[in-house]
Amino acid sequence: MAGLAPDEDGLATVEEWGIGSFPNISDRGPIWGAFGVFGQPAAIVVTADGNVLGHMGALDKAGFQDLMDRARAA
């Protein structure tokens, strides 16, 4: 899990992917565990109502869209 890697690895990823414009969580495990994530890749969606949906494994564009559609319907 990226959150368990050395800080330099996470910072390098933020720079490489250009994702420094929004908050990134440095988690050593508790947050991942609270959402039932035990490895990567994983995707978690928290809706405005506080519902949580997750997917363990890789997602392509259609899979991510399906996860988002299910989150909206929850």
PDB file of N, CA and C in Angstrom:
ATOM      1  N   MET A   1       0.835  -1.173   0.000  1.00  0.00           N
ATOM      2  CA  MET A   1       0.000   0.000   0.000  1.00  0.00           C
ATOM      3  C   MET A   1       0.878   1.233   0.000  1.00  0.00           C
ATOM      4  N   ALA A   2       0.490   2.189  -0.778  1.00  0.00           N
ATOM      5  CA  ALA A   2       1.273   3.420  -0.860  1.00  0.00           C
ATOM      6  C   ALA A   2       1.416   4.080   0.496  1.00  0.00           C
ATOM      7  N   GLY A   3       0.403   4.003   1.323  1.00  0.00           N
ATOM      8  CA  GLY A   3       0.458   4.615   2.638  1.00  0.00           C
ATOM      9  C   GLY A   3       1.472   3.980   3.559  1.00  0.00           C
ATOM     10  N   LEU A   4       1.922   2.781   3.231  1.00  0.00           N
ATOM     11  CA  LEU A   4       2.912   2.093   4.052  1.00  0.00           C
ATOM     12  C   LEU A   4       4.312   2.210   3.478  1.00  0.00           C
ATOM     13  N   ALA A   5       4.443   2.839   2.322  1.00  0.00           N
ATOM     14  CA  ALA A   5       5.748   3.033   1.685  1.00  0.00           C
ATOM     15  C   ALA A   5       6.471   4.206   2.348  1.00  0.00           C
ATOM     16  N   PRO A   6       7.774   4.305   2.111  1.00  0.00           N
ATOM     17  CA  PRO A   6       8.501   5.470   2.643  1.00  0.00           C
ATOM     18  C   PRO A   6       7.896   6.776   2.125  1.00  0.00           C
ATOM     19  N   ASP A   7       7.959   7.828   2.945  1.00  0.00           N
ATOM     20  CA  ASP A   7       7.383   9.120   2.566  1.00  0.00           C
ATOM     21  C   ASP A   7       7.889   9.608   1.217  1.00  0.00           C
ATOM     22  N   GLU A   8       9.162   9.358   0.918  1.00  0.00           N
ATOM     23  CA  GLU A   8       9.731   9.823  -0.354  1.00  0.00           C
ATOM     24  C   GLU A   8       8.980   9.226  -1.540  1.00  0.00           C
ATOM     25  N   ASP A   9       8.549   7.963  -1.412  1.00  0.00           N
ATOM     26  CA  ASP A   9       7.814   7.323  -2.502  1.00  0.00           C
ATOM     27  C   ASP A   9       6.478   8.022  -2.738  1.00  0.00           C
ATOM     28  N   GLY A  10       5.780   8.327  -1.655  1.00  0.00           N
ATOM     29  CA  GLY A  10       4.499   9.020  -1.782  1.00  0.00           C
ATOM     30  C   GLY A  10       4.655  10.400  -2.376  1.00  0.00           C
ATOM     31  N   LEU A  11       5.665  11.128  -1.922  1.00  0.00           N
ATOM     32  CA  LEU A  11       5.906  12.471  -2.452  1.00  0.00           C
ATOM     33  C   LEU A  11       6.265  12.419  -3.930  1.00  0.00           C
ATOM     34  N   ALA A  12       7.033  11.413  -4.323  1.00  0.00           N
ATOM     35  CA  ALA A  12       7.394  11.261  -5.734  1.00  0.00           C
ATOM     36  C   ALA A  12       6.148  10.985  -6.578  1.00  0.00           C
ATOM     37  N   THR A  13       5.233  10.171  -6.057  1.00  0.00           N
ATOM     38  CA  THR A  13       4.002   9.866  -6.785  1.00  0.00           C
ATOM     39  C   THR A  13       3.134  11.109  -6.934  1.00  0.00           C
ATOM     40  N   VAL A  14       3.006  11.897  -5.867  1.00  0.00           N
ATOM     41  CA  VAL A  14       2.229  13.144  -5.934  1.00  0.00           C
ATOM     42  C   VAL A  14       2.790  14.047  -7.025  1.00  0.00           C
ATOM     43  N   GLU A  15       4.102  14.157  -7.074  1.00  0.00           N
ATOM     44  CA  GLU A  15       4.753  14.995  -8.087  1.00  0.00           C
ATOM     45  C   GLU A  15       4.541  14.424  -9.491  1.00  0.00           C
ATOM     46  N   GLU A  16       4.783  13.119  -9.650  1.00  0.00           N
ATOM     47  CA  GLU A  16       4.676  12.475 -10.963  1.00  0.00           C
ATOM     48  C   GLU A  16       3.255  12.556 -11.516  1.00  0.00           C
ATOM     49  N   TRP A  17       2.266  12.340 -10.677  1.00  0.00           N
ATOM     50  CA  TRP A  17       0.879  12.302 -11.125  1.00  0.00           C
ATOM     51  C   TRP A  17       0.220  13.670 -11.110  1.00  0.00           C
ATOM     52  N   GLY A  18       0.897  14.682 -10.568  1.00  0.00           N
ATOM     53  CA  GLY A  18       0.330  16.026 -10.537  1.00  0.00           C
ATOM     54  C   GLY A  18      -0.909  16.137  -9.661  1.00  0.00           C
ATOM     55  N   ILE A  19      -0.900  15.439  -8.521  1.00  0.00           N
ATOM     56  CA  ILE A  19      -2.086  15.425  -7.654  1.00  0.00           C
ATOM     57  C   ILE A  19      -1.861  16.198  -6.360  1.00  0.00           C
ATOM     58  N   GLY A  20      -1.003  17.196  -6.397  1.00  0.00           N
ATOM     59  CA  GLY A  20      -0.706  17.969  -5.202  1.00  0.00           C
ATOM     60  C   GLY A  20      -1.706  19.070  -4.905  1.00  0.00           C
ATOM     61  N   SER A  21      -2.700  19.258  -5.770  1.00  0.00           N
ATOM     62  CA  SER A  21      -3.635  20.367  -5.591  1.00  0.00           C
ATOM     63  C   SER A  21      -4.809  20.023  -4.672  1.00  0.00           C
ATOM     64  N   PHE A  22      -4.887  18.789  -4.191  1.00  0.00           N
ATOM     65  CA  PHE A  22      -5.935  18.426  -3.234  1.00  0.00           C
ATOM     66  C   PHE A  22      -5.308  17.623  -2.105  1.00  0.00           C
ATOM     67  N   PRO A  23      -5.990  17.534  -0.949  1.00  0.00           N
ATOM     68  CA  PRO A  23      -5.398  16.838   0.201  1.00  0.00           C
ATOM     69  C   PRO A  23      -5.110  15.377  -0.102  1.00  0.00           C
ATOM     70  N   ASN A  24      -3.933  14.942   0.254  1.00  0.00           N
ATOM     71  CA  ASN A  24      -3.540  13.547   0.161  1.00  0.00           C
ATOM     72  C   ASN A  24      -3.257  13.070   1.579  1.00  0.00           C
ATOM     73  N   ILE A  25      -3.802  11.919   1.937  1.00  0.00           N
ATOM     74  CA  ILE A  25      -3.659  11.400   3.293  1.00  0.00           C
ATOM     75  C   ILE A  25      -2.442  10.494   3.370  1.00  0.00           C
ATOM     76  N   SER A  26      -1.594  10.744   4.339  1.00  0.00           N
ATOM     77  CA  SER A  26      -0.484   9.843   4.638  1.00  0.00           C
ATOM     78  C   SER A  26      -0.969   8.905   5.727  1.00  0.00           C
ATOM     79  N   ASP A  27      -1.377   7.717   5.338  1.00  0.00           N
ATOM     80  CA  ASP A  27      -1.974   6.762   6.270  1.00  0.00           C
ATOM     81  C   ASP A  27      -1.045   5.578   6.463  1.00  0.00           C
ATOM     82  N   ARG A  28      -0.778   5.230   7.681  1.00  0.00           N
ATOM     83  CA  ARG A  28       0.068   4.080   8.002  1.00  0.00           C
ATOM     84  C   ARG A  28      -0.753   2.822   8.249  1.00  0.00           C
ATOM     85  N   GLY A  29      -2.041   2.866   7.930  1.00  0.00           N
ATOM     86  CA  GLY A  29      -2.868   1.677   8.046  1.00  0.00           C
ATOM     87  C   GLY A  29      -4.237   1.854   8.672  1.00  0.00           C
ATOM     88  N   PRO A  30      -4.410   2.697   9.699  1.00  0.00           N
ATOM     89  CA  PRO A  30      -5.716   2.776  10.361  1.00  0.00           C
ATOM     90  C   PRO A  30      -6.862   3.227   9.450  1.00  0.00           C
ATOM     91  N   ILE A  31      -6.625   4.197   8.594  1.00  0.00           N
ATOM     92  CA  ILE A  31      -7.704   4.670   7.718  1.00  0.00           C
ATOM     93  C   ILE A  31      -8.038   3.600   6.691  1.00  0.00           C
ATOM     94  N   TRP A  32      -7.003   3.019   6.079  1.00  0.00           N
ATOM     95  CA  TRP A  32      -7.247   1.928   5.131  1.00  0.00           C
ATOM     96  C   TRP A  32      -8.073   0.835   5.799  1.00  0.00           C
ATOM     97  N   GLY A  33      -7.656   0.432   7.008  1.00  0.00           N
ATOM     98  CA  GLY A  33      -8.336  -0.641   7.719  1.00  0.00           C
ATOM     99  C   GLY A  33      -9.782  -0.314   8.041  1.00  0.00           C
ATOM    100  N   ALA A  34     -10.065   0.937   8.378  1.00  0.00           N
ATOM    101  CA  ALA A  34     -11.434   1.337   8.702  1.00  0.00           C
ATOM    102  C   ALA A  34     -12.373   1.152   7.515  1.00  0.00           C
ATOM    103  N   PHE A  35     -11.827   1.242   6.313  1.00  0.00           N
ATOM    104  CA  PHE A  35     -12.629   1.050   5.108  1.00  0.00           C
ATOM    105  C   PHE A  35     -12.531  -0.376   4.567  1.00  0.00           C
ATOM    106  N   GLY A  36     -11.857  -1.261   5.287  1.00  0.00           N
ATOM    107  CA  GLY A  36     -11.752  -2.646   4.866  1.00  0.00           C
ATOM    108  C   GLY A  36     -10.752  -2.892   3.756  1.00  0.00           C
ATOM    109  N   VAL A  37      -9.889  -1.927   3.495  1.00  0.00           N
ATOM    110  CA  VAL A  37      -8.884  -2.084   2.444  1.00  0.00           C
ATOM    111  C   VAL A  37      -7.693  -2.841   3.014  1.00  0.00           C
ATOM    112  N   PHE A  38      -7.340  -3.938   2.360  1.00  0.00           N
ATOM    113  CA  PHE A  38      -6.213  -4.741   2.819  1.00  0.00           C
ATOM    114  C   PHE A  38      -5.072  -4.769   1.822  1.00  0.00           C
ATOM    115  N   GLY A  39      -5.214  -4.090   0.708  1.00  0.00           N
ATOM    116  CA  GLY A  39      -4.154  -4.033  -0.292  1.00  0.00           C
ATOM    117  C   GLY A  39      -4.565  -3.129  -1.438  1.00  0.00           C
ATOM    118  N   GLN A  40      -3.648  -2.964  -2.362  1.00  0.00           N
ATOM    119  CA  GLN A  40      -3.894  -2.121  -3.524  1.00  0.00           C
ATOM    120  C   GLN A  40      -3.855  -2.983  -4.781  1.00  0.00           C
ATOM    121  N   PRO A  41      -4.589  -2.642  -5.798  1.00  0.00           N
ATOM    122  CA  PRO A  41      -5.425  -1.456  -5.930  1.00  0.00           C
ATOM    123  C   PRO A  41      -6.755  -1.608  -5.200  1.00  0.00           C
ATOM    124  N   ALA A  42      -7.297  -0.491  -4.793  1.00  0.00           N
ATOM    125  CA  ALA A  42      -8.599  -0.434  -4.138  1.00  0.00           C
ATOM    126  C   ALA A  42      -9.206   0.934  -4.406  1.00  0.00           C
ATOM    127  N   ALA A  43     -10.520   0.993  -4.415  1.00  0.00           N
ATOM    128  CA  ALA A  43     -11.221   2.264  -4.594  1.00  0.00           C
ATOM    129  C   ALA A  43     -12.337   2.336  -3.560  1.00  0.00           C
ATOM    130  N   ILE A  44     -12.423   3.458  -2.875  1.00  0.00           N
ATOM    131  CA  ILE A  44     -13.464   3.700  -1.880  1.00  0.00           C
ATOM    132  C   ILE A  44     -14.172   4.999  -2.251  1.00  0.00           C
ATOM    133  N   VAL A  45     -15.498   4.975  -2.227  1.00  0.00           N
ATOM    134  CA  VAL A  45     -16.295   6.163  -2.494  1.00  0.00           C
ATOM    135  C   VAL A  45     -17.114   6.459  -1.241  1.00  0.00           C
ATOM    136  N   VAL A  46     -17.011   7.673  -0.745  1.00  0.00           N
ATOM    137  CA  VAL A  46     -17.831   8.135   0.372  1.00  0.00           C
ATOM    138  C   VAL A  46     -18.783   9.181  -0.189  1.00  0.00           C
ATOM    139  N   THR A  47     -20.075   8.895  -0.103  1.00  0.00           N
ATOM    140  CA  THR A  47     -21.066   9.810  -0.668  1.00  0.00           C
ATOM    141  C   THR A  47     -21.322  10.982   0.275  1.00  0.00           C
ATOM    142  N   ALA A  48     -22.021  11.978  -0.224  1.00  0.00           N
ATOM    143  CA  ALA A  48     -22.369  13.145   0.584  1.00  0.00           C
ATOM    144  C   ALA A  48     -23.214  12.756   1.793  1.00  0.00           C
ATOM    145  N   ASP A  49     -23.953  11.652   1.685  1.00  0.00           N
ATOM    146  CA  ASP A  49     -24.780  11.167   2.793  1.00  0.00           C
ATOM    147  C   ASP A  49     -23.999  10.294   3.767  1.00  0.00           C
ATOM    148  N   GLY A  50     -22.733  10.046   3.463  1.00  0.00           N
ATOM    149  CA  GLY A  50     -21.905   9.235   4.343  1.00  0.00           C
ATOM    150  C   GLY A  50     -21.905   7.752   4.032  1.00  0.00           C
ATOM    151  N   ASN A  51     -22.584   7.344   2.961  1.00  0.00           N
ATOM    152  CA  ASN A  51     -22.524   5.942   2.553  1.00  0.00           C
ATOM    153  C   ASN A  51     -21.137   5.641   2.010  1.00  0.00           C
ATOM    154  N   VAL A  52     -20.674   4.427   2.249  1.00  0.00           N
ATOM    155  CA  VAL A  52     -19.346   4.018   1.796  1.00  0.00           C
ATOM    156  C   VAL A  52     -19.488   2.786   0.919  1.00  0.00           C
ATOM    157  N   LEU A  53     -18.928   2.869  -0.284  1.00  0.00           N
ATOM    158  CA  LEU A  53     -18.869   1.728  -1.183  1.00  0.00           C
ATOM    159  C   LEU A  53     -17.422   1.524  -1.567  1.00  0.00           C
ATOM    160  N   GLY A  54     -17.038   0.274  -1.689  1.00  0.00           N
ATOM    161  CA  GLY A  54     -15.656   0.008  -2.038  1.00  0.00           C
ATOM    162  C   GLY A  54     -15.522  -1.091  -3.065  1.00  0.00           C
ATOM    163  N   HIS A  55     -14.361  -1.125  -3.663  1.00  0.00           N
ATOM    164  CA  HIS A  55     -14.016  -2.161  -4.638  1.00  0.00           C
ATOM    165  C   HIS A  55     -12.558  -2.530  -4.437  1.00  0.00           C
ATOM    166  N   MET A  56     -12.297  -3.799  -4.208  1.00  0.00           N
ATOM    167  CA  MET A  56     -10.923  -4.285  -4.120  1.00  0.00           C
ATOM    168  C   MET A  56     -10.524  -4.813  -5.491  1.00  0.00           C
ATOM    169  N   GLY A  57      -9.445  -4.309  -6.023  1.00  0.00           N
ATOM    170  CA  GLY A  57      -8.962  -4.726  -7.328  1.00  0.00           C
ATOM    171  C   GLY A  57      -8.924  -3.557  -8.294  1.00  0.00           C
ATOM    172  N   ALA A  58      -8.370  -3.831  -9.448  1.00  0.00           N
ATOM    173  CA  ALA A  58      -8.235  -2.789 -10.469  1.00  0.00           C
ATOM    174  C   ALA A  58      -9.597  -2.449 -11.067  1.00  0.00           C
ATOM    175  N   LEU A  59      -9.738  -1.213 -11.489  1.00  0.00           N
ATOM    176  CA  LEU A  59     -10.944  -0.754 -12.176  1.00  0.00           C
ATOM    177  C   LEU A  59     -10.553  -0.082 -13.483  1.00  0.00           C
ATOM    178  N   ASP A  60     -11.234  -0.469 -14.550  1.00  0.00           N
ATOM    179  CA  ASP A  60     -11.075   0.284 -15.788  1.00  0.00           C
ATOM    180  C   ASP A  60     -12.121   1.400 -15.774  1.00  0.00           C
ATOM    181  N   LYS A  61     -12.217   2.143 -16.853  1.00  0.00           N
ATOM    182  CA  LYS A  61     -13.150   3.275 -16.896  1.00  0.00           C
ATOM    183  C   LYS A  61     -14.586   2.819 -16.641  1.00  0.00           C
ATOM    184  N   ALA A  62     -14.997   1.731 -17.267  1.00  0.00           N
ATOM    185  CA  ALA A  62     -16.366   1.235 -17.095  1.00  0.00           C
ATOM    186  C   ALA A  62     -16.605   0.765 -15.658  1.00  0.00           C
ATOM    187  N   GLY A  63     -15.612   0.121 -15.069  1.00  0.00           N
ATOM    188  CA  GLY A  63     -15.740  -0.339 -13.693  1.00  0.00           C
ATOM    189  C   GLY A  63     -15.842   0.809 -12.716  1.00  0.00           C
ATOM    190  N   PHE A  64     -15.044   1.858 -12.941  1.00  0.00           N
ATOM    191  CA  PHE A  64     -15.109   3.029 -12.078  1.00  0.00           C
ATOM    192  C   PHE A  64     -16.453   3.726 -12.235  1.00  0.00           C
ATOM    193  N   GLN A  65     -16.946   3.815 -13.468  1.00  0.00           N
ATOM    194  CA  GLN A  65     -18.258   4.430 -13.698  1.00  0.00           C
ATOM    195  C   GLN A  65     -19.341   3.641 -12.984  1.00  0.00           C
ATOM    196  N   ASP A  66     -19.251   2.300 -13.019  1.00  0.00           N
ATOM    197  CA  ASP A  66     -20.222   1.461 -12.325  1.00  0.00           C
ATOM    198  C   ASP A  66     -20.179   1.714 -10.814  1.00  0.00           C
ATOM    199  N   LEU A  67     -18.985   1.823 -10.250  1.00  0.00           N
ATOM    200  CA  LEU A  67     -18.848   2.112  -8.821  1.00  0.00           C
ATOM    201  C   LEU A  67     -19.493   3.455  -8.487  1.00  0.00           C
ATOM    202  N   MET A  68     -19.254   4.451  -9.306  1.00  0.00           N
ATOM    203  CA  MET A  68     -19.845   5.772  -9.079  1.00  0.00           C
ATOM    204  C   MET A  68     -21.372   5.722  -9.206  1.00  0.00           C
ATOM    205  N   ASP A  69     -21.871   4.988 -10.194  1.00  0.00           N
ATOM    206  CA  ASP A  69     -23.323   4.857 -10.365  1.00  0.00           C
ATOM    207  C   ASP A  69     -23.947   4.185  -9.147  1.00  0.00           C
ATOM    208  N   ARG A  70     -23.294   3.136  -8.629  1.00  0.00           N
ATOM    209  CA  ARG A  70     -23.802   2.459  -7.433  1.00  0.00           C
ATOM    210  C   ARG A  70     -23.760   3.385  -6.224  1.00  0.00           C
ATOM    211  N   ALA A  71     -22.733   4.217  -6.133  1.00  0.00           N
ATOM    212  CA  ALA A  71     -22.633   5.164  -5.018  1.00  0.00           C
ATOM    213  C   ALA A  71     -23.760   6.191  -5.086  1.00  0.00           C
ATOM    214  N   ARG A  72     -24.054   6.659  -6.281  1.00  0.00           N
ATOM    215  CA  ARG A  72     -25.133   7.644  -6.433  1.00  0.00           C
ATOM    216  C   ARG A  72     -26.492   7.045  -6.081  1.00  0.00           C
ATOM    217  N   ALA A  73     -26.664   5.750  -6.353  1.00  0.00           N
ATOM    218  CA  ALA A  73     -27.937   5.077  -6.098  1.00  0.00           C
ATOM    219  C   ALA A  73     -28.086   4.640  -4.637  1.00  0.00           C
ATOM    220  N   ALA A  74     -26.995   4.635  -3.897  1.00  0.00           N
ATOM    221  CA  ALA A  74     -27.030   4.144  -2.502  1.00  0.00           C
ATOM    222  C   ALA A  74     -27.773   5.092  -1.593  1.00  0.00           C
TER     223      ALA A  74
END
